[in-house]
PDB file of N, CA and C in Angstrom:
ATOM      1  N   MET A   1       0.953  -1.373   0.216  1.00  0.00           N
ATOM      2  CA  MET A   1      -0.060   0.048   0.097  1.00  0.00           C
ATOM      3  C   MET A   1       0.679   1.216  -0.273  1.00  0.00           C
ATOM      4  N   LYS A   2       0.519   2.502  -0.798  1.00  0.00           N
ATOM      5  CA  LYS A   2       1.174   3.594  -1.086  1.00  0.00           C
ATOM      6  C   LYS A   2       1.239   4.156   0.236  1.00  0.00           C
ATOM      7  N   ARG A   3       2.446   5.107   0.594  1.00  0.00           N
ATOM      8  CA  ARG A   3       2.791   5.843   1.945  1.00  0.00           C
ATOM      9  C   ARG A   3       1.256   6.706   1.925  1.00  0.00           C
ATOM     10  N   SER A   4       0.932   7.582   0.860  1.00  0.00           N
ATOM     11  CA  SER A   4      -0.446   8.431   0.896  1.00  0.00           C
ATOM     12  C   SER A   4      -1.632   7.645   1.316  1.00  0.00           C
ATOM     13  N   ALA A   5      -1.937   6.271   1.029  1.00  0.00           N
ATOM     14  CA  ALA A   5      -3.081   5.735   1.055  1.00  0.00           C
ATOM     15  C   ALA A   5      -3.040   5.446   2.684  1.00  0.00           C
ATOM     16  N   ARG A   6      -1.778   4.849   3.304  1.00  0.00           N
ATOM     17  CA  ARG A   6      -1.538   4.577   4.543  1.00  0.00           C
ATOM     18  C   ARG A   6      -2.127   5.606   5.288  1.00  0.00           C
ATOM     19  N   LEU A   7      -1.341   6.803   4.995  1.00  0.00           N
ATOM     20  CA  LEU A   7      -1.463   7.930   5.970  1.00  0.00           C
ATOM     21  C   LEU A   7      -2.782   8.551   5.816  1.00  0.00           C
ATOM     22  N   ARG A   8      -3.565   8.567   4.787  1.00  0.00           N
ATOM     23  CA  ARG A   8      -5.192   8.758   4.540  1.00  0.00           C
ATOM     24  C   ARG A   8      -6.165   8.186   5.686  1.00  0.00           C
ATOM     25  N   ARG A   9      -5.674   6.523   4.969  1.00  0.00           N
ATOM     26  CA  ARG A   9      -6.446   5.469   6.363  1.00  0.00           C
ATOM     27  C   ARG A   9      -6.313   5.806   7.781  1.00  0.00           C
ATOM     28  N   ARG A  10      -5.016   6.172   8.162  1.00  0.00           N
ATOM     29  CA  ARG A  10      -4.835   6.566   9.583  1.00  0.00           C
ATOM     30  C   ARG A  10      -5.391   7.681  10.159  1.00  0.00           C
ATOM     31  N   PHE A  11      -5.581   8.507   9.372  1.00  0.00           N
ATOM     32  CA  PHE A  11      -6.367   9.884   9.318  1.00  0.00           C
ATOM     33  C   PHE A  11      -7.800   9.663   9.678  1.00  0.00           C
ATOM     34  N   PHE A  12      -8.040   8.880   8.623  1.00  0.00           N
ATOM     35  CA  PHE A  12      -9.721   8.751   8.891  1.00  0.00           C
ATOM     36  C   PHE A  12     -10.002   7.694  10.242  1.00  0.00           C
ATOM     37  N   VAL A  13      -8.877   6.844  10.277  1.00  0.00           N
ATOM     38  CA  VAL A  13      -9.558   6.182  11.661  1.00  0.00           C
ATOM     39  C   VAL A  13      -8.976   6.996  12.942  1.00  0.00           C
ATOM     40  N   ALA A  14      -8.083   8.458  12.598  1.00  0.00           N
ATOM     41  CA  ALA A  14      -8.105   8.901  13.844  1.00  0.00           C
ATOM     42  C   ALA A  14      -9.023  10.031  14.198  1.00  0.00           C
ATOM     43  N   CYS A  15      -9.790  10.270  12.569  1.00  0.00           N
ATOM     44  CA  CYS A  15     -11.155  10.899  12.900  1.00  0.00           C
ATOM     45  C   CYS A  15     -11.981  10.554  13.846  1.00  0.00           C
ATOM     46  N   TRP A  16     -12.438   9.144  13.339  1.00  0.00           N
ATOM     47  CA  TRP A  16     -13.432   8.133  13.678  1.00  0.00           C
ATOM     48  C   TRP A  16     -13.066   8.240  15.411  1.00  0.00           C
ATOM     49  N   PHE A  17     -11.905   7.666  15.696  1.00  0.00           N
ATOM     50  CA  PHE A  17     -11.403   7.697  16.969  1.00  0.00           C
ATOM     51  C   PHE A  17     -12.114   9.419  17.937  1.00  0.00           C
ATOM     52  N   GLU A  18     -11.541  10.300  17.151  1.00  0.00           N
ATOM     53  CA  GLU A  18     -11.724  11.496  18.094  1.00  0.00           C
ATOM     54  C   GLU A  18     -13.261  11.712  18.240  1.00  0.00           C
ATOM     55  N   LEU A  19     -13.969  11.672  16.712  1.00  0.00           N
ATOM     56  CA  LEU A  19     -15.515  12.043  16.999  1.00  0.00           C
ATOM     57  C   LEU A  19     -16.381  11.152  17.805  1.00  0.00           C
ATOM     58  N   LYS A  20     -15.735   9.864  18.025  1.00  0.00           N
ATOM     59  CA  LYS A  20     -16.360   9.061  19.094  1.00  0.00           C
ATOM     60  C   LYS A  20     -16.511   9.619  20.672  1.00  0.00           C
ATOM     61  N   ILE A  21     -15.323  10.486  20.930  1.00  0.00           N
ATOM     62  CA  ILE A  21     -14.825  11.014  21.879  1.00  0.00           C
ATOM     63  C   ILE A  21     -15.944  12.132  22.203  1.00  0.00           C
ATOM     64  N   VAL A  22     -16.067  13.139  21.047  1.00  0.00           N
ATOM     65  CA  VAL A  22     -16.787  14.272  21.177  1.00  0.00           C
ATOM     66  C   VAL A  22     -18.429  14.225  20.498  1.00  0.00           C
ATOM     67  N   TRP A  23     -18.717  13.386  19.972  1.00  0.00           N
ATOM     68  CA  TRP A  23     -20.165  13.280  19.639  1.00  0.00           C
ATOM     69  C   TRP A  23     -21.236  13.740  20.451  1.00  0.00           C
ATOM     70  N   PRO A  24     -20.985  13.635  21.762  1.00  0.00           N
ATOM     71  CA  PRO A  24     -22.217  13.928  22.649  1.00  0.00           C
ATOM     72  C   PRO A  24     -22.201  15.320  22.811  1.00  0.00           C
ATOM     73  N   VAL A  25     -20.607  16.375  22.335  1.00  0.00           N
ATOM     74  CA  VAL A  25     -20.819  17.444  22.719  1.00  0.00           C
ATOM     75  C   VAL A  25     -21.462  18.231  21.164  1.00  0.00           C
ATOM     76  N   LEU A  26     -20.797  17.441  20.043  1.00  0.00           N
ATOM     77  CA  LEU A  26     -21.264  18.021  19.054  1.00  0.00           C
ATOM     78  C   LEU A  26     -23.002  18.015  18.685  1.00  0.00           C
ATOM     79  N   THR A  27     -23.426  16.562  19.168  1.00  0.00           N
ATOM     80  CA  THR A  27     -24.779  16.485  19.423  1.00  0.00           C
ATOM     81  C   THR A  27     -25.502  17.550  20.267  1.00  0.00           C
ATOM     82  N   GLY A  28     -25.445  17.420  20.887  1.00  0.00           N
ATOM     83  CA  GLY A  28     -26.101  19.073  21.893  1.00  0.00           C
ATOM     84  C   GLY A  28     -25.735  20.298  21.316  1.00  0.00           C
ATOM     85  N   LEU A  29     -24.526  20.659  20.607  1.00  0.00           N
ATOM     86  CA  LEU A  29     -24.590  21.861  20.142  1.00  0.00           C
ATOM     87  C   LEU A  29     -25.690  21.831  18.840  1.00  0.00           C
ATOM     88  N   PHE A  30     -25.720  20.938  18.323  1.00  0.00           N
ATOM     89  CA  PHE A  30     -26.482  20.869  17.022  1.00  0.00           C
ATOM     90  C   PHE A  30     -27.829  20.936  17.552  1.00  0.00           C
ATOM     91  N   ILE A  31     -28.124  20.341  18.638  1.00  0.00           N
ATOM     92  CA  ILE A  31     -29.660  20.123  18.818  1.00  0.00           C
ATOM     93  C   ILE A  31     -30.273  21.553  19.340  1.00  0.00           C
ATOM     94  N   ALA A  32     -28.851  22.310  20.230  1.00  0.00           N
ATOM     95  CA  ALA A  32     -29.461  23.401  20.685  1.00  0.00           C
ATOM     96  C   ALA A  32     -29.231  24.629  19.510  1.00  0.00           C
ATOM     97  N   GLN A  33     -28.538  24.201  18.372  1.00  0.00           N
ATOM     98  CA  GLN A  33     -28.893  25.158  17.208  1.00  0.00           C
ATOM     99  C   GLN A  33     -30.493  24.958  16.719  1.00  0.00           C
ATOM    100  N   LEU A  34     -30.785  23.896  16.518  1.00  0.00           N
ATOM    101  CA  LEU A  34     -31.775  23.636  15.792  1.00  0.00           C
ATOM    102  C   LEU A  34     -32.948  24.130  16.839  1.00  0.00           C
ATOM    103  N   ALA A  35     -32.979  23.737  18.346  1.00  0.00           N
ATOM    104  CA  ALA A  35     -33.944  24.265  18.957  1.00  0.00           C
ATOM    105  C   ALA A  35     -34.032  26.055  19.112  1.00  0.00           C
ATOM    106  N   LEU A  36     -33.045  26.454  19.128  1.00  0.00           N
ATOM    107  CA  LEU A  36     -32.960  28.176  19.008  1.00  0.00           C
ATOM    108  C   LEU A  36     -33.699  28.184  17.551  1.00  0.00           C
ATOM    109  N   GLY A  37     -33.262  27.868  16.547  1.00  0.00           N
ATOM    110  CA  GLY A  37     -33.576  28.408  15.210  1.00  0.00           C
ATOM    111  C   GLY A  37     -35.453  27.749  15.114  1.00  0.00           C
ATOM    112  N   MET A  38     -35.802  27.199  15.921  1.00  0.00           N
ATOM    113  CA  MET A  38     -37.146  26.771  15.532  1.00  0.00           C
ATOM    114  C   MET A  38     -37.801  27.933  16.446  1.00  0.00           C
ATOM    115  N   LEU A  39     -36.976  28.192  17.875  1.00  0.00           N
ATOM    116  CA  LEU A  39     -37.691  29.093  18.749  1.00  0.00           C
ATOM    117  C   LEU A  39     -37.916  30.575  18.027  1.00  0.00           C
ATOM    118  N   VAL A  40     -36.785  30.858  17.400  1.00  0.00           N
ATOM    119  CA  VAL A  40     -36.665  32.542  16.673  1.00  0.00           C
ATOM    120  C   VAL A  40     -37.988  32.215  15.534  1.00  0.00           C
ATOM    121  N   GLY A  41     -38.097  31.130  15.114  1.00  0.00           N
ATOM    122  CA  GLY A  41     -39.114  30.671  13.980  1.00  0.00           C
ATOM    123  C   GLY A  41     -40.671  30.878  14.535  1.00  0.00           C
ATOM    124  N   ALA A  42     -40.799  30.551  15.723  1.00  0.00           N
ATOM    125  CA  ALA A  42     -42.074  30.451  16.197  1.00  0.00           C
ATOM    126  C   ALA A  42     -42.456  31.752  16.500  1.00  0.00           C
ATOM    127  N   LEU A  43     -41.417  32.561  16.949  1.00  0.00           N
ATOM    128  CA  LEU A  43     -41.864  33.758  17.603  1.00  0.00           C
ATOM    129  C   LEU A  43     -41.907  34.958  16.030  1.00  0.00           C
ATOM    130  N   GLU A  44     -41.497  34.212  15.286  1.00  0.00           N
ATOM    131  CA  GLU A  44     -41.218  35.421  14.273  1.00  0.00           C
ATOM    132  C   GLU A  44     -42.416  34.653  13.096  1.00  0.00           C
ATOM    133  N   ASN A  45     -42.893  33.645  13.531  1.00  0.00           N
ATOM    134  CA  ASN A  45     -44.046  32.835  12.481  1.00  0.00           C
ATOM    135  C   ASN A  45     -43.621  32.698  11.283  1.00  0.00           C
ATOM    136  N   TRP A  46     -42.480  31.657  11.483  1.00  0.00           N
ATOM    137  CA  TRP A  46     -42.272  31.224  10.385  1.00  0.00           C
ATOM    138  C   TRP A  46     -42.351  30.038  10.061  1.00  0.00           C
ATOM    139  N   SER A  47     -42.341  29.240   8.958  1.00  0.00           N
ATOM    140  CA  SER A  47     -42.900  27.940   8.898  1.00  0.00           C
ATOM    141  C   SER A  47     -41.389  27.320   9.231  1.00  0.00           C
ATOM    142  N   LEU A  48     -41.761  25.663   9.798  1.00  0.00           N
ATOM    143  CA  LEU A  48     -40.712  25.082  10.363  1.00  0.00           C
ATOM    144  C   LEU A  48     -39.536  24.765   9.564  1.00  0.00           C
ATOM    145  N   ILE A  49     -39.671  24.777   8.124  1.00  0.00           N
ATOM    146  CA  ILE A  49     -38.812  24.582   7.054  1.00  0.00           C
ATOM    147  C   ILE A  49     -37.930  25.887   7.315  1.00  0.00           C
ATOM    148  N   ALA A  50     -38.301  26.868   7.280  1.00  0.00           N
ATOM    149  CA  ALA A  50     -37.697  27.894   7.437  1.00  0.00           C
ATOM    150  C   ALA A  50     -36.935  28.700   8.477  1.00  0.00           C
ATOM    151  N   SER A  51     -37.612  28.124   9.491  1.00  0.00           N
ATOM    152  CA  SER A  51     -36.974  28.186  11.124  1.00  0.00           C
ATOM    153  C   SER A  51     -35.618  27.157  11.106  1.00  0.00           C
ATOM    154  N   VAL A  52     -35.918  25.715  10.616  1.00  0.00           N
ATOM    155  CA  VAL A  52     -34.732  25.166  10.349  1.00  0.00           C
ATOM    156  C   VAL A  52     -33.496  25.642   9.926  1.00  0.00           C
ATOM    157  N   TYR A  53     -34.016  25.998   8.506  1.00  0.00           N
ATOM    158  CA  TYR A  53     -33.113  26.851   7.693  1.00  0.00           C
ATOM    159  C   TYR A  53     -32.454  27.759   8.577  1.00  0.00           C
ATOM    160  N   PHE A  54     -33.025  28.839   8.912  1.00  0.00           N
ATOM    161  CA  PHE A  54     -32.923  29.827   9.461  1.00  0.00           C
ATOM    162  C   PHE A  54     -31.516  29.131  10.853  1.00  0.00           C
ATOM    163  N   GLY A  55     -31.766  28.057  11.372  1.00  0.00           N
ATOM    164  CA  GLY A  55     -30.892  27.728  12.563  1.00  0.00           C
ATOM    165  C   GLY A  55     -29.912  27.074  12.125  1.00  0.00           C
ATOM    166  N   LEU A  56     -29.602  26.720  11.032  1.00  0.00           N
ATOM    167  CA  LEU A  56     -28.335  26.160  10.022  1.00  0.00           C
ATOM    168  C   LEU A  56     -27.816  26.793   9.711  1.00  0.00           C
ATOM    169  N   ILE A  57     -28.332  27.874   9.000  1.00  0.00           N
ATOM    170  CA  ILE A  57     -27.602  28.811   7.795  1.00  0.00           C
ATOM    171  C   ILE A  57     -26.702  30.074   8.822  1.00  0.00           C
ATOM    172  N   THR A  58     -27.716  30.361  10.075  1.00  0.00           N
ATOM    173  CA  THR A  58     -27.083  31.211  11.091  1.00  0.00           C
ATOM    174  C   THR A  58     -25.671  30.395  11.635  1.00  0.00           C
ATOM    175  N   GLY A  59     -26.414  29.433  12.357  1.00  0.00           N
ATOM    176  CA  GLY A  59     -25.067  28.415  12.758  1.00  0.00           C
ATOM    177  C   GLY A  59     -23.791  28.171  11.954  1.00  0.00           C
ATOM    178  N   LEU A  60     -23.966  27.824  10.757  1.00  0.00           N
ATOM    179  CA  LEU A  60     -22.860  27.676  10.123  1.00  0.00           C
ATOM    180  C   LEU A  60     -22.064  29.210   9.740  1.00  0.00           C
ATOM    181  N   THR A  61     -22.549  30.427  10.470  1.00  0.00           N
ATOM    182  CA  THR A  61     -22.267  31.482  10.102  1.00  0.00           C
ATOM    183  C   THR A  61     -22.143  32.113   8.614  1.00  0.00           C
ATOM    184  N   ILE A  62     -23.279  31.764   8.078  1.00  0.00           N
ATOM    185  CA  ILE A  62     -23.185  32.033   6.551  1.00  0.00           C
ATOM    186  C   ILE A  62     -24.044  33.276   6.393  1.00  0.00           C
ATOM    187  N   GLY A  63     -25.250  33.024   7.062  1.00  0.00           N
ATOM    188  CA  GLY A  63     -26.441  34.303   7.148  1.00  0.00           C
ATOM    189  C   GLY A  63     -26.645  34.864   5.904  1.00  0.00           C
ATOM    190  N   TYR A  64     -27.056  34.199   4.986  1.00  0.00           N
ATOM    191  CA  TYR A  64     -27.977  34.861   3.301  1.00  0.00           C
ATOM    192  C   TYR A  64     -28.661  36.250   3.433  1.00  0.00           C
ATOM    193  N   GLY A  65     -29.587  36.256   4.915  1.00  0.00           N
ATOM    194  CA  GLY A  65     -30.125  37.559   4.682  1.00  0.00           C
ATOM    195  C   GLY A  65     -31.512  37.576   4.054  1.00  0.00           C
ATOM    196  N   ASP A  66     -31.960  36.360   3.646  1.00  0.00           N
ATOM    197  CA  ASP A  66     -33.134  36.084   2.974  1.00  0.00           C
ATOM    198  C   ASP A  66     -34.117  35.957   3.987  1.00  0.00           C
ATOM    199  N   VAL A  67     -33.816  35.188   5.170  1.00  0.00           N
ATOM    200  CA  VAL A  67     -34.493  34.932   6.492  1.00  0.00           C
ATOM    201  C   VAL A  67     -34.039  35.875   7.647  1.00  0.00           C
ATOM    202  N   VAL A  68     -34.626  36.700   8.015  1.00  0.00           N
ATOM    203  CA  VAL A  68     -34.024  37.775   9.205  1.00  0.00           C
ATOM    204  C   VAL A  68     -35.092  37.765   9.999  1.00  0.00           C
ATOM    205  N   PRO A  69     -34.717  37.843  11.429  1.00  0.00           N
ATOM    206  CA  PRO A  69     -35.492  38.246  12.696  1.00  0.00           C
ATOM    207  C   PRO A  69     -35.563  39.545  12.752  1.00  0.00           C
ATOM    208  N   VAL A  70     -36.912  40.205  13.184  1.00  0.00           N
ATOM    209  CA  VAL A  70     -36.998  41.868  13.269  1.00  0.00           C
ATOM    210  C   VAL A  70     -37.252  41.814  14.593  1.00  0.00           C
ATOM    211  N   ARG A  71     -37.565  41.103  15.518  1.00  0.00           N
ATOM    212  CA  ARG A  71     -37.521  41.288  16.984  1.00  0.00           C
ATOM    213  C   ARG A  71     -36.301  41.554  17.653  1.00  0.00           C
ATOM    214  N   VAL A  72     -36.356  42.218  18.608  1.00  0.00           N
ATOM    215  CA  VAL A  72     -34.886  42.374  19.473  1.00  0.00           C
ATOM    216  C   VAL A  72     -34.589  40.768  20.089  1.00  0.00           C
ATOM    217  N   ILE A  73     -35.402  40.207  20.734  1.00  0.00           N
ATOM    218  CA  ILE A  73     -35.341  38.879  21.351  1.00  0.00           C
ATOM    219  C   ILE A  73     -34.719  37.788  20.324  1.00  0.00           C
ATOM    220  N   THR A  74     -35.370  37.726  19.334  1.00  0.00           N
ATOM    221  CA  THR A  74     -35.149  36.673  17.944  1.00  0.00           C
ATOM    222  C   THR A  74     -33.887  37.242  17.417  1.00  0.00           C
ATOM    223  N   ARG A  75     -33.531  38.621  17.400  1.00  0.00           N
ATOM    224  CA  ARG A  75     -32.047  38.637  16.947  1.00  0.00           C
ATOM    225  C   ARG A  75     -31.005  38.376  18.220  1.00  0.00           C
ATOM    226  N   LEU A  76     -31.082  38.685  19.525  1.00  0.00           N
ATOM    227  CA  LEU A  76     -30.190  38.400  20.532  1.00  0.00           C
ATOM    228  C   LEU A  76     -30.103  36.611  20.336  1.00  0.00           C
ATOM    229  N   ILE A  77     -31.193  35.802  19.953  1.00  0.00           N
ATOM    230  CA  ILE A  77     -30.889  34.562  20.234  1.00  0.00           C
ATOM    231  C   ILE A  77     -30.086  34.094  18.766  1.00  0.00           C
ATOM    232  N   ALA A  78     -30.090  35.045  17.614  1.00  0.00           N
ATOM    233  CA  ALA A  78     -29.644  34.833  16.686  1.00  0.00           C
ATOM    234  C   ALA A  78     -28.160  34.700  16.642  1.00  0.00           C
ATOM    235  N   ILE A  79     -27.637  36.154  17.262  1.00  0.00           N
ATOM    236  CA  ILE A  79     -26.546  35.958  18.079  1.00  0.00           C
ATOM    237  C   ILE A  79     -25.873  35.029  18.552  1.00  0.00           C
ATOM    238  N   VAL A  80     -26.927  34.035  19.569  1.00  0.00           N
ATOM    239  CA  VAL A  80     -26.139  33.093  20.208  1.00  0.00           C
ATOM    240  C   VAL A  80     -26.240  31.819  19.505  1.00  0.00           C
ATOM    241  N   ILE A  81     -26.991  31.766  18.775  1.00  0.00           N
ATOM    242  CA  ILE A  81     -26.993  30.628  17.307  1.00  0.00           C
ATOM    243  C   ILE A  81     -25.742  30.768  16.542  1.00  0.00           C
ATOM    244  N   GLY A  82     -25.237  31.966  15.985  1.00  0.00           N
ATOM    245  CA  GLY A  82     -23.786  32.376  15.735  1.00  0.00           C
ATOM    246  C   GLY A  82     -22.696  31.770  16.754  1.00  0.00           C
ATOM    247  N   PHE A  83     -22.870  32.177  17.792  1.00  0.00           N
ATOM    248  CA  PHE A  83     -21.861  31.701  18.449  1.00  0.00           C
ATOM    249  C   PHE A  83     -21.531  29.710  18.834  1.00  0.00           C
ATOM    250  N   ILE A  84     -22.888  29.410  18.798  1.00  0.00           N
ATOM    251  CA  ILE A  84     -22.973  28.174  18.960  1.00  0.00           C
ATOM    252  C   ILE A  84     -22.095  27.400  17.667  1.00  0.00           C
ATOM    253  N   GLY A  85     -22.569  28.291  16.546  1.00  0.00           N
ATOM    254  CA  GLY A  85     -22.112  27.652  15.430  1.00  0.00           C
ATOM    255  C   GLY A  85     -20.302  27.686  15.023  1.00  0.00           C
ATOM    256  N   VAL A  86     -19.848  29.020  15.682  1.00  0.00           N
ATOM    257  CA  VAL A  86     -18.535  29.050  15.820  1.00  0.00           C
ATOM    258  C   VAL A  86     -17.886  28.114  16.840  1.00  0.00           C
ATOM    259  N   LEU A  87     -18.384  27.626  18.274  1.00  0.00           N
ATOM    260  CA  LEU A  87     -18.024  26.342  18.727  1.00  0.00           C
ATOM    261  C   LEU A  87     -18.215  25.186  17.894  1.00  0.00           C
ATOM    262  N   THR A  88     -18.940  24.848  17.184  1.00  0.00           N
ATOM    263  CA  THR A  88     -19.337  23.808  16.176  1.00  0.00           C
ATOM    264  C   THR A  88     -17.922  23.553  15.501  1.00  0.00           C
ATOM    265  N   THR A  89     -18.019  24.589  14.735  1.00  0.00           N
ATOM    266  CA  THR A  89     -16.798  24.776  13.745  1.00  0.00           C
ATOM    267  C   THR A  89     -15.576  24.668  14.296  1.00  0.00           C
ATOM    268  N   GLY A  90     -15.328  25.278  15.251  1.00  0.00           N
ATOM    269  CA  GLY A  90     -13.833  24.931  16.200  1.00  0.00           C
ATOM    270  C   GLY A  90     -13.752  23.560  16.633  1.00  0.00           C
ATOM    271  N   LEU A  91     -14.601  23.246  17.198  1.00  0.00           N
ATOM    272  CA  LEU A  91     -14.754  21.583  17.626  1.00  0.00           C
ATOM    273  C   LEU A  91     -14.314  20.738  16.432  1.00  0.00           C
ATOM    274  N   ILE A  92     -15.068  21.222  15.477  1.00  0.00           N
ATOM    275  CA  ILE A  92     -14.666  20.088  14.144  1.00  0.00           C
ATOM    276  C   ILE A  92     -13.331  20.143  13.792  1.00  0.00           C
ATOM    277  N   ALA A  93     -12.630  21.538  13.678  1.00  0.00           N
ATOM    278  CA  ALA A  93     -11.748  21.665  13.147  1.00  0.00           C
ATOM    279  C   ALA A  93     -10.768  21.581  14.379  1.00  0.00           C
ATOM    280  N   ALA A  94     -10.759  21.016  15.570  1.00  0.00           N
ATOM    281  CA  ALA A  94      -9.885  20.738  16.312  1.00  0.00           C
ATOM    282  C   ALA A  94      -9.782  18.824  16.112  1.00  0.00           C
ATOM    283  N   VAL A  95     -10.826  18.451  16.178  1.00  0.00           N
ATOM    284  CA  VAL A  95     -10.903  17.023  15.772  1.00  0.00           C
ATOM    285  C   VAL A  95     -10.038  16.541  14.623  1.00  0.00           C
ATOM    286  N   GLY A  96     -10.494  17.135  13.587  1.00  0.00           N
ATOM    287  CA  GLY A  96      -9.007  17.095  12.302  1.00  0.00           C
ATOM    288  C   GLY A  96      -7.485  17.395  12.591  1.00  0.00           C
ATOM    289  N   VAL A  97      -7.622  18.547  13.215  1.00  0.00           N
ATOM    290  CA  VAL A  97      -6.152  18.799  13.543  1.00  0.00           C
ATOM    291  C   VAL A  97      -5.518  17.341  14.379  1.00  0.00           C
ATOM    292  N   ARG A  98      -6.160  17.101  15.357  1.00  0.00           N
ATOM    293  CA  ARG A  98      -5.793  15.867  16.039  1.00  0.00           C
ATOM    294  C   ARG A  98      -5.864  14.817  15.335  1.00  0.00           C
ATOM    295  N   ALA A  99      -6.565  14.651  14.440  1.00  0.00           N
ATOM    296  CA  ALA A  99      -6.566  13.337  13.697  1.00  0.00           C
ATOM    297  C   ALA A  99      -5.503  13.428  13.069  1.00  0.00           C
ATOM    298  N   LEU A 100      -4.904  14.628  12.266  1.00  0.00           N
ATOM    299  CA  LEU A 100      -3.920  14.735  11.392  1.00  0.00           C
ATOM    300  C   LEU A 100      -2.704  14.503  12.642  1.00  0.00           C
ATOM    301  N   GLN A 101      -2.544  15.236  13.344  1.00  0.00           N
ATOM    302  CA  GLN A 101      -1.279  14.795  14.223  1.00  0.00           C
ATOM    303  C   GLN A 101      -1.203  13.465  14.485  1.00  0.00           C
ATOM    304  N   ASP A 102      -2.210  12.922  14.822  1.00  0.00           N
ATOM    305  CA  ASP A 102      -1.738  11.176  15.310  1.00  0.00           C
ATOM    306  C   ASP A 102      -1.380  10.373  14.232  1.00  0.00           C
ATOM    307  N   ALA A 103      -2.501  10.774  12.679  1.00  0.00           N
ATOM    308  CA  ALA A 103      -2.010  10.357  11.484  1.00  0.00           C
ATOM    309  C   ALA A 103      -0.458  10.378  10.803  1.00  0.00           C
ATOM    310  N   THR A 104      -0.083  11.554  11.720  1.00  0.00           N
ATOM    311  CA  THR A 104       1.308  11.592  10.650  1.00  0.00           C
ATOM    312  C   THR A 104       2.485  11.714  11.939  1.00  0.00           C
ATOM    313  N   ASP A 105       1.643  11.009  13.171  1.00  0.00           N
ATOM    314  CA  ASP A 105       2.892  10.654  14.240  1.00  0.00           C
ATOM    315  C   ASP A 105       3.697   9.300  13.868  1.00  0.00           C
ATOM    316  N   GLU A 106       4.922   9.562  13.483  1.00  0.00           N
ATOM    317  CA  GLU A 106       5.694   8.340  13.137  1.00  0.00           C
ATOM    318  C   GLU A 106       5.636   7.207  14.298  1.00  0.00           C
ATOM    319  N   THR A 107       5.599   7.265  15.141  1.00  0.00           N
ATOM    320  CA  THR A 107       5.512   6.310  16.303  1.00  0.00           C
ATOM    321  C   THR A 107       4.167   5.327  16.079  1.00  0.00           C
ATOM    322  N   GLY A 108       3.368   6.405  15.539  1.00  0.00           N
ATOM    323  CA  GLY A 108       1.812   5.322  15.421  1.00  0.00           C
ATOM    324  C   GLY A 108       1.415   4.977  17.174  1.00  0.00           C
ATOM    325  N   ARG A 109       0.061   4.594  16.485  1.00  0.00           N
ATOM    326  CA  ARG A 109      -0.217   3.753  18.259  1.00  0.00           C
ATOM    327  C   ARG A 109      -0.478   2.309  18.208  1.00  0.00           C
TER     328      ARG A 109
END
């Protein structure tokens, strides 16, 4: 097997190992993001699809601007959703970095 194929396999194995550790936190952040998005949707009288879309897009810190909360409380909740998205992105990036460190460690496990 080529070195790059072995390295890729080790990376994915390490990713899986790290994700098994942090999945409860990732799941909690994802559920909080969706729940807050649905709360904003309920307060703004949006459909369920629009609410979930808003929560996910805001959590990914993309925020296209096609669905925008107008109330002060819902805007504050949107800020919280954005912070949760930043935490989620940081956690996923940390898992990837840790997996890359493990995969490139010459001593191996």
